[in-house]
Protein backbone atom coordinates (compact mmCIF):
# COMPACT_ATOMS: atom_id res chain seq x y z
CA MET A 1 114.97 69.06 -242.26
CA LYS A 2 114.35 65.44 -243.14
CA THR A 3 110.77 64.48 -243.98
CA THR A 4 108.83 61.42 -245.07
CA ARG A 5 107.12 61.13 -248.43
CA TYR A 6 103.81 61.14 -246.54
CA PHE A 7 104.63 64.53 -245.00
CA GLU A 8 105.64 66.02 -248.35
CA GLN A 9 102.79 64.61 -250.43
CA GLU A 10 99.90 64.47 -247.98
CA ILE A 11 100.41 66.72 -244.98
CA LEU A 12 101.73 69.79 -246.79
CA ARG A 13 98.99 69.39 -249.40
CA LYS A 14 96.23 69.09 -246.77
CA ARG A 15 97.67 71.85 -244.58
CA PRO A 16 99.29 74.40 -246.92
CA TYR A 17 99.48 76.97 -244.10
CA LEU A 18 102.13 74.89 -242.30
CA LYS A 19 105.62 76.34 -242.38
CA ARG A 20 108.70 74.15 -242.33
CA GLU A 21 110.37 76.53 -239.87
CA TRP A 22 107.57 75.80 -237.37
CA CYS A 23 108.40 72.10 -237.55
CA GLU A 24 112.09 72.86 -237.15
CA MET A 25 111.30 75.05 -234.13
CA ALA A 26 109.27 72.22 -232.56
CA LEU A 27 112.18 69.82 -232.87
CA ALA A 28 114.76 72.32 -231.61
CA HIS A 29 112.75 73.92 -228.77
CA PRO A 30 109.70 71.85 -227.81
CA VAL A 31 107.60 72.84 -224.82
CA HIS A 32 106.83 69.14 -224.41
CA ARG A 33 108.03 65.85 -225.90
CA GLU A 34 106.55 62.34 -225.73
CA VAL A 35 107.57 58.98 -227.16
CA GLN A 36 104.61 57.06 -228.59
CA PRO A 37 104.30 53.31 -227.89
CA GLU A 38 105.51 52.40 -231.40
CA GLY A 39 108.57 54.65 -231.03
CA ARG A 40 107.58 57.75 -232.96
CA ILE A 41 108.17 61.00 -231.09
CA ARG A 42 105.72 63.87 -230.58
CA TYR A 43 106.90 67.45 -230.10
CA TRP A 44 104.78 70.49 -229.24
CA VAL A 45 105.55 74.16 -229.77
CA PHE A 46 103.32 77.23 -229.50
CA ILE A 47 102.88 79.07 -232.80
CA PRO A 48 101.70 82.66 -232.20
CA GLU A 49 100.55 83.03 -235.83
CA LEU A 50 98.14 80.12 -235.31
CA GLY A 51 97.30 80.97 -231.73
CA LYS A 52 97.68 77.23 -231.03
CA TYR A 53 100.19 74.55 -230.24
CA LEU A 54 101.60 72.63 -233.18
CA ARG A 55 102.20 68.91 -232.73
CA VAL A 56 105.02 67.54 -234.86
CA VAL A 57 105.53 63.78 -235.08
CA THR A 58 108.86 62.31 -236.14
CA LEU A 59 109.96 58.81 -236.91
CA GLU A 60 111.91 56.93 -234.25
CA ASP A 61 115.11 58.76 -235.22
CA GLY A 62 113.71 62.00 -233.77
CA GLU A 63 114.71 63.88 -236.94
CA THR A 64 112.46 62.79 -239.80
CA VAL A 65 109.17 64.71 -239.73
CA HIS A 66 106.19 62.50 -240.55
CA ASN A 67 103.18 64.58 -239.46
CA ALA A 68 102.30 68.03 -238.14
CA PHE A 69 99.04 69.66 -237.14
CA PRO A 70 97.57 72.25 -234.78
CA ASP A 71 96.70 70.40 -231.58
CA ARG A 72 93.65 72.13 -230.14
CA ASN A 73 93.54 69.72 -227.18
CA PHE A 74 97.10 70.30 -225.95
CA LYS A 75 97.30 72.21 -222.68
CA ARG A 76 100.86 73.15 -221.75
CA ILE A 77 100.25 73.61 -218.02
CA SER A 78 98.81 70.13 -217.51
CA HIS A 79 101.81 68.57 -219.29
CA GLU A 80 104.34 70.67 -217.39
CA LEU A 81 102.96 69.41 -214.09
CA ARG A 82 103.39 65.78 -215.18
CA SER A 83 106.60 65.93 -217.20
CA PRO A 84 110.06 67.45 -216.92
CA ALA A 85 110.84 70.36 -219.25
CA PHE A 86 112.35 69.49 -222.60
CA GLY A 87 114.29 71.70 -224.95
């Protein structure tokens, strides 16, 4: 998995509970995907161990992980009604 320096030095330090395999799972099998206005891409996946959805943000290439965090505001059903399924 490709990552930014920010992800390695800041995100993993601030959120030591994050597992790389969760980020990989989000990229491979997201329940939802969105492109941000500046081109970065958001992916969501449900993580049973957290009991929450994890949002993973990549650079424009869709491969390089830049950020990841539990997204307590994400509601899968509302997004499924508005967007086609991804993954």
